[in-house]
Protein backbone atom coordinates (compact mmCIF):
# COMPACT_ATOMS: atom_id res chain seq x y z
CA MET A 1 -48.17 52.00 42.70
CA LEU A 2 -44.90 53.84 43.13
CA GLN A 3 -45.08 55.92 39.96
CA GLY A 4 -46.15 59.10 41.77
CA PRO A 5 -43.37 59.12 44.39
CA LEU A 6 -40.75 58.10 41.85
CA ALA A 7 -41.85 60.77 39.40
CA ALA A 8 -41.71 63.33 42.21
CA LEU A 9 -38.09 62.29 42.88
CA LEU A 10 -37.04 62.72 39.25
CA PRO A 11 -35.63 66.25 39.83
CA LEU A 12 -33.67 64.91 42.81
CA GLU A 13 -32.25 62.13 40.64
CA ILE A 14 -31.14 64.67 38.07
CA GLY A 15 -29.51 66.79 40.78
CA LEU A 16 -27.72 63.86 42.39
CA VAL A 17 -26.21 62.44 39.23
CA ARG A 18 -25.39 65.76 37.61
CA GLY A 19 -22.05 66.24 39.31
CA ARG A 20 -21.07 62.57 39.45
CA LEU A 21 -21.63 61.42 35.91
CA THR A 22 -20.65 62.62 32.52
CA ALA A 23 -23.29 64.39 30.45
CA GLU A 24 -23.94 61.17 28.51
CA GLY A 25 -24.16 59.14 31.74
CA THR A 26 -26.65 61.62 33.18
CA ARG A 27 -28.85 61.40 30.09
CA GLN A 28 -28.76 57.60 30.19
CA SER A 29 -29.56 57.50 33.91
CA VAL A 30 -32.53 59.84 33.66
CA GLY A 31 -33.70 58.13 30.46
CA MET A 32 -33.68 54.75 32.18
CA LEU A 33 -35.67 56.14 35.12
CA VAL A 34 -38.28 57.73 32.86
CA GLY A 35 -38.47 54.52 30.79
CA ALA A 36 -39.02 52.42 33.90
CA LEU A 37 -41.78 54.73 35.10
CA THR A 38 -43.49 54.66 31.72
CA CYS A 39 -43.27 50.87 31.36
CA ASP A 40 -44.55 50.30 34.90
CA THR A 41 -47.51 52.61 34.38
CA GLY A 42 -48.47 50.97 31.10
CA THR A 43 -48.19 47.46 32.50
CA TYR A 44 -50.31 48.32 35.55
CA SER A 45 -52.96 50.03 33.45
CA THR A 46 -53.15 47.15 30.98
CA ALA A 47 -53.39 44.52 33.72
CA LYS A 48 -56.07 46.48 35.55
CA THR A 49 -58.14 46.90 32.37
CA PHE A 50 -57.76 43.24 31.38
CA GLY A 51 -58.72 41.99 34.86
CA GLY A 52 -61.70 44.30 35.02
CA SER A 53 -63.01 43.22 31.64
CA ILE A 54 -62.68 39.51 32.44
CA SER A 55 -64.33 39.79 35.85
CA GLY A 56 -67.08 42.01 34.42
CA ALA A 57 -67.83 39.47 31.70
CA VAL A 58 -67.93 36.57 34.17
CA PHE A 59 -70.08 38.44 36.67
CA ALA A 60 -72.47 39.51 33.91
CA ALA A 61 -72.73 35.98 32.51
CA ILE A 62 -73.67 34.38 35.85
CA PRO A 63 -76.88 36.40 36.48
CA THR A 64 -77.80 36.22 32.79
CA GLY A 65 -77.51 32.44 32.78
CA THR A 66 -79.51 31.83 35.94
CA THR A 67 -82.86 33.54 35.69
CA VAL A 68 -86.08 32.94 37.55
CA LYS A 69 -88.17 30.28 35.78
CA GLY A 70 -90.31 31.88 33.13
CA GLY A 71 -88.83 35.32 33.70
CA ARG A 72 -86.13 37.66 32.52
CA PHE A 73 -84.72 38.55 35.91
CA PRO A 74 -81.74 36.89 37.63
CA SER A 75 -82.47 34.54 40.49
CA GLU A 76 -81.25 35.11 44.00
CA THR A 77 -78.81 32.23 43.53
CA ALA A 78 -77.07 34.19 40.78
CA TYR A 79 -76.31 37.06 43.13
CA GLU A 80 -75.21 34.68 45.88
CA THR A 81 -72.85 33.01 43.42
CA VAL A 82 -71.29 36.33 42.40
CA TRP A 83 -70.82 37.38 46.03
CA GLY A 84 -69.43 33.95 46.93
CA ILE A 85 -66.86 34.12 44.14
CA SER A 86 -65.85 37.64 45.19
CA ALA A 87 -65.47 36.57 48.82
CA GLY A 88 -63.46 33.49 47.84
CA VAL A 89 -61.05 35.46 45.66
CA SER A 90 -60.61 38.05 48.43
CA LEU A 91 -59.81 35.35 51.00
CA LEU A 92 -57.39 33.68 48.59
CA ILE A 93 -55.54 36.95 48.02
CA ALA A 94 -55.44 37.70 51.76
CA ALA A 95 -54.08 34.21 52.54
CA THR A 96 -51.46 34.50 49.80
CA ALA A 97 -50.35 37.89 51.11
CA ALA A 98 -50.14 36.52 54.66
CA VAL A 99 -48.01 33.57 53.56
CA LEU A 100 -45.71 35.73 51.46
CA THR A 101 -45.12 38.25 54.25
CA THR A 102 -44.50 35.64 56.95
CA THR A 103 -42.12 33.51 54.91
CA ALA A 104 -40.03 36.41 53.62
CA ARG A 105 -36.43 36.15 54.72
CA PRO A 106 -34.69 39.25 56.04
CA HIS A 107 -31.91 40.72 53.97
CA PRO A 108 -28.47 39.79 55.40
CA ASP A 109 -27.60 43.45 55.90
CA THR A 110 -30.69 44.05 58.05
CA ALA A 111 -30.56 40.84 60.08
CA ALA A 112 -29.82 41.08 63.77
CA PRO A 113 -26.10 40.87 64.56
CA LYS A 114 -24.88 37.53 65.89
CA ALA A 115 -23.59 37.33 69.42
CA ALA A 116 -19.85 37.01 69.87
CA PRO A 117 -18.67 33.54 70.89
CA ARG A 118 -17.88 33.12 74.59
CA ARG A 119 -14.41 32.22 75.71
């Protein structure tokens, strides 16, 4: 998700570390950044493809397995099942995101300062 902005900042990274690191340190730093971007992109693409193929297979199997009696066409129940599964997964993801964002603890550096004790 962040590959685009990070790749856009690559020239800035090179400029920032150029005067502070040795030539070898600069090469290592930029190499690590490019490696991280490449690994992240590949992982995201692979996960997206794998998830799409699994869900496509499941959602194709449901209508195929539940046809109208004596016919070749999927029943209405098959479509309702597919939409119900999609709605359930969406609600599960939304609930998980809500729980994760409300239970996240603030970083100590960004927490509100404590009041000084009274004398």
